[in-house]
Amino acid sequence: MLLTEWNTEDAIAFAREEGREEGREEGIEEGWEKGCEVGLEKGMEKGREENMQYVMELLNQGFSAEELKRRLAQT
C-alpha cells in the first residue's frame, strides 16, 4: 500500500493552478470568438464601402439604373 502525506498547501496550490489554466483556456476561446466577430463586422463594413464606391463610379460614368442592377448582380 502506498502511503502519501496529505499536504493542504500543495492541494490548494494545485487547485489554483488548475483553475488558472481553465481560465486561460476560456479566455483564449472568448478572445478568438470576439476577434472573429469583430473581423467579420469590419470586413462587411469594408465590403459595403467598396460596393458603394463602385456604384458611385458607375453612376459618374452615366450608367442607367438597369445597367447598375445588372452589374451588381454579377459581383
N, C-alpha and C. Protein backbone atom coordinates (compact mmCIF):
# COMPACT_ATOMS: atom_id res chain seq x y z
N MET A 1 0.85 -1.17 0.00
CA MET A 1 0.00 0.00 0.00
C MET A 1 0.89 1.23 0.00
N LEU A 2 0.55 2.19 -0.85
CA LEU A 2 1.33 3.40 -0.98
C LEU A 2 0.83 4.43 0.03
N LEU A 3 1.73 4.92 0.82
CA LEU A 3 1.37 5.95 1.80
C LEU A 3 1.88 7.30 1.33
N THR A 4 0.99 8.27 1.31
CA THR A 4 1.41 9.63 0.96
C THR A 4 0.91 10.57 2.03
N GLU A 5 1.64 11.62 2.20
CA GLU A 5 1.26 12.61 3.20
C GLU A 5 0.39 13.66 2.51
N TRP A 6 -0.75 13.94 3.09
CA TRP A 6 -1.66 14.95 2.55
C TRP A 6 -1.16 16.32 2.96
N ASN A 7 -0.89 17.15 1.97
CA ASN A 7 -0.41 18.48 2.24
C ASN A 7 -1.44 19.47 1.71
N THR A 8 -2.11 20.12 2.62
CA THR A 8 -3.19 21.04 2.26
C THR A 8 -2.68 22.18 1.38
N GLU A 9 -1.54 22.72 1.70
CA GLU A 9 -1.00 23.83 0.91
C GLU A 9 -0.72 23.41 -0.53
N ASP A 10 -0.16 22.21 -0.72
CA ASP A 10 0.09 21.71 -2.06
C ASP A 10 -1.22 21.48 -2.82
N ALA A 11 -2.22 20.97 -2.12
CA ALA A 11 -3.51 20.71 -2.75
C ALA A 11 -4.16 22.02 -3.18
N ILE A 12 -4.08 23.05 -2.35
CA ILE A 12 -4.64 24.36 -2.69
C ILE A 12 -3.88 24.96 -3.87
N ALA A 13 -2.56 24.87 -3.85
CA ALA A 13 -1.75 25.40 -4.95
C ALA A 13 -2.10 24.69 -6.26
N PHE A 14 -2.26 23.38 -6.19
CA PHE A 14 -2.61 22.61 -7.39
C PHE A 14 -3.98 23.04 -7.91
N ALA A 15 -4.94 23.19 -7.03
CA ALA A 15 -6.29 23.58 -7.43
C ALA A 15 -6.29 24.97 -8.05
N ARG A 16 -5.50 25.88 -7.48
CA ARG A 16 -5.41 27.23 -8.04
C ARG A 16 -4.82 27.21 -9.44
N GLU A 17 -3.74 26.46 -9.62
CA GLU A 17 -3.10 26.39 -10.94
C GLU A 17 -4.04 25.77 -11.96
N GLU A 18 -4.76 24.75 -11.54
CA GLU A 18 -5.73 24.12 -12.42
C GLU A 18 -6.82 25.12 -12.82
N GLY A 19 -7.27 25.92 -11.86
CA GLY A 19 -8.27 26.96 -12.14
C GLY A 19 -7.73 28.03 -13.07
N ARG A 20 -6.47 28.41 -12.87
CA ARG A 20 -5.85 29.40 -13.76
C ARG A 20 -5.79 28.88 -15.20
N GLU A 21 -5.41 27.63 -15.33
CA GLU A 21 -5.31 27.03 -16.67
C GLU A 21 -6.67 27.00 -17.35
N GLU A 22 -7.70 26.62 -16.61
CA GLU A 22 -9.05 26.63 -17.18
C GLU A 22 -9.45 28.05 -17.59
N GLY A 23 -9.10 29.02 -16.75
CA GLY A 23 -9.40 30.42 -17.06
C GLY A 23 -8.69 30.89 -18.31
N ARG A 24 -7.43 30.50 -18.46
CA ARG A 24 -6.67 30.86 -19.66
C ARG A 24 -7.34 30.29 -20.91
N GLU A 25 -7.70 29.02 -20.83
CA GLU A 25 -8.34 28.36 -21.97
C GLU A 25 -9.65 29.05 -22.33
N GLU A 26 -10.45 29.39 -21.32
CA GLU A 26 -11.71 30.08 -21.58
C GLU A 26 -11.46 31.46 -22.17
N GLY A 27 -10.45 32.15 -21.66
CA GLY A 27 -10.11 33.48 -22.17
C GLY A 27 -9.67 33.44 -23.62
N ILE A 28 -8.88 32.45 -23.97
CA ILE A 28 -8.43 32.31 -25.36
C ILE A 28 -9.63 32.05 -26.26
N GLU A 29 -10.51 31.16 -25.83
CA GLU A 29 -11.69 30.84 -26.63
C GLU A 29 -12.58 32.07 -26.81
N GLU A 30 -12.82 32.80 -25.73
CA GLU A 30 -13.65 34.00 -25.82
C GLU A 30 -12.99 35.06 -26.69
N GLY A 31 -11.67 35.20 -26.57
CA GLY A 31 -10.94 36.16 -27.39
C GLY A 31 -11.02 35.81 -28.86
N TRP A 32 -10.89 34.54 -29.17
CA TRP A 32 -10.97 34.08 -30.56
C TRP A 32 -12.35 34.39 -31.13
N GLU A 33 -13.40 34.07 -30.36
CA GLU A 33 -14.77 34.31 -30.82
C GLU A 33 -15.00 35.80 -31.05
N LYS A 34 -14.56 36.62 -30.11
CA LYS A 34 -14.75 38.07 -30.23
C LYS A 34 -13.95 38.61 -31.42
N GLY A 35 -12.73 38.12 -31.60
CA GLY A 35 -11.91 38.56 -32.72
C GLY A 35 -12.55 38.22 -34.05
N CYS A 36 -13.12 37.04 -34.16
CA CYS A 36 -13.81 36.65 -35.39
C CYS A 36 -15.02 37.54 -35.64
N GLU A 37 -15.75 37.82 -34.58
CA GLU A 37 -16.93 38.67 -34.68
C GLU A 37 -16.55 40.07 -35.16
N VAL A 38 -15.54 40.65 -34.55
CA VAL A 38 -15.09 41.99 -34.92
C VAL A 38 -14.54 41.99 -36.34
N GLY A 39 -13.77 40.97 -36.68
CA GLY A 39 -13.21 40.87 -38.02
C GLY A 39 -14.30 40.78 -39.08
N LEU A 40 -15.33 40.01 -38.80
CA LEU A 40 -16.44 39.87 -39.74
C LEU A 40 -17.15 41.20 -39.92
N GLU A 41 -17.40 41.89 -38.82
CA GLU A 41 -18.07 43.20 -38.89
C GLU A 41 -17.25 44.19 -39.71
N LYS A 42 -15.95 44.23 -39.47
CA LYS A 42 -15.09 45.16 -40.21
C LYS A 42 -15.02 44.77 -41.69
N GLY A 43 -14.96 43.48 -41.97
CA GLY A 43 -14.93 43.03 -43.35
C GLY A 43 -16.21 43.38 -44.10
N MET A 44 -17.34 43.22 -43.43
CA MET A 44 -18.61 43.57 -44.06
C MET A 44 -18.69 45.08 -44.30
N GLU A 45 -18.24 45.85 -43.34
CA GLU A 45 -18.25 47.30 -43.48
C GLU A 45 -17.37 47.72 -44.66
N LYS A 46 -16.20 47.14 -44.76
CA LYS A 46 -15.29 47.46 -45.87
C LYS A 46 -15.93 47.07 -47.20
N GLY A 47 -16.58 45.91 -47.24
CA GLY A 47 -17.25 45.47 -48.45
C GLY A 47 -18.35 46.43 -48.87
N ARG A 48 -19.13 46.92 -47.91
CA ARG A 48 -20.19 47.88 -48.22
C ARG A 48 -19.59 49.17 -48.78
N GLU A 49 -18.51 49.63 -48.17
CA GLU A 49 -17.85 50.86 -48.64
C GLU A 49 -17.33 50.68 -50.05
N GLU A 50 -16.69 49.55 -50.33
CA GLU A 50 -16.16 49.29 -51.67
C GLU A 50 -17.29 49.18 -52.69
N ASN A 51 -18.38 48.55 -52.29
CA ASN A 51 -19.54 48.43 -53.18
C ASN A 51 -20.11 49.80 -53.49
N MET A 52 -20.20 50.65 -52.47
CA MET A 52 -20.73 52.00 -52.68
C MET A 52 -19.82 52.80 -53.61
N GLN A 53 -18.51 52.65 -53.46
CA GLN A 53 -17.58 53.34 -54.35
C GLN A 53 -17.76 52.87 -55.79
N TYR A 54 -17.96 51.58 -55.96
CA TYR A 54 -18.17 51.01 -57.29
C TYR A 54 -19.44 51.58 -57.91
N VAL A 55 -20.51 51.65 -57.13
CA VAL A 55 -21.77 52.20 -57.62
C VAL A 55 -21.59 53.66 -58.01
N MET A 56 -20.89 54.42 -57.18
CA MET A 56 -20.66 55.83 -57.48
C MET A 56 -19.86 56.00 -58.77
N GLU A 57 -18.87 55.15 -58.98
CA GLU A 57 -18.08 55.21 -60.22
C GLU A 57 -18.97 54.94 -61.43
N LEU A 58 -19.84 53.94 -61.32
CA LEU A 58 -20.73 53.63 -62.43
C LEU A 58 -21.71 54.76 -62.69
N LEU A 59 -22.24 55.35 -61.64
CA LEU A 59 -23.15 56.48 -61.80
C LEU A 59 -22.45 57.65 -62.48
N ASN A 60 -21.22 57.91 -62.05
CA ASN A 60 -20.46 59.01 -62.64
C ASN A 60 -20.16 58.76 -64.11
N GLN A 61 -20.13 57.49 -64.51
CA GLN A 61 -19.87 57.14 -65.91
C GLN A 61 -21.16 57.16 -66.74
N GLY A 62 -22.29 57.42 -66.08
CA GLY A 62 -23.56 57.58 -66.79
C GLY A 62 -24.35 56.31 -66.99
N PHE A 63 -24.06 55.25 -66.23
CA PHE A 63 -24.82 54.01 -66.37
C PHE A 63 -26.24 54.19 -65.84
N SER A 64 -27.19 53.53 -66.48
CA SER A 64 -28.59 53.58 -66.04
C SER A 64 -28.78 52.68 -64.82
N ALA A 65 -29.96 52.84 -64.19
CA ALA A 65 -30.29 52.02 -63.03
C ALA A 65 -30.33 50.54 -63.41
N GLU A 66 -30.86 50.23 -64.58
CA GLU A 66 -30.93 48.84 -65.04
C GLU A 66 -29.53 48.26 -65.24
N GLU A 67 -28.64 49.05 -65.81
CA GLU A 67 -27.27 48.58 -66.02
C GLU A 67 -26.57 48.40 -64.68
N LEU A 68 -26.83 49.29 -63.73
CA LEU A 68 -26.25 49.15 -62.38
C LEU A 68 -26.71 47.84 -61.75
N LYS A 69 -28.00 47.56 -61.82
CA LYS A 69 -28.55 46.31 -61.25
C LYS A 69 -27.87 45.09 -61.88
N ARG A 70 -27.71 45.13 -63.20
CA ARG A 70 -27.11 44.01 -63.90
C ARG A 70 -25.66 43.82 -63.46
N ARG A 71 -24.92 44.89 -63.39
CA ARG A 71 -23.51 44.80 -62.99
C ARG A 71 -23.35 44.35 -61.54
N LEU A 72 -24.21 44.87 -60.68
CA LEU A 72 -24.12 44.49 -59.25
C LEU A 72 -24.50 43.03 -59.05
N ALA A 73 -25.40 42.52 -59.87
CA ALA A 73 -25.79 41.12 -59.76
C ALA A 73 -24.62 40.20 -60.15
N GLN A 74 -23.70 40.72 -60.96
CA GLN A 74 -22.55 39.92 -61.40
C GLN A 74 -21.45 39.86 -60.34
N THR A 75 -21.44 40.79 -59.40
CA THR A 75 -20.35 40.83 -58.40
C THR A 75 -20.65 39.99 -57.21
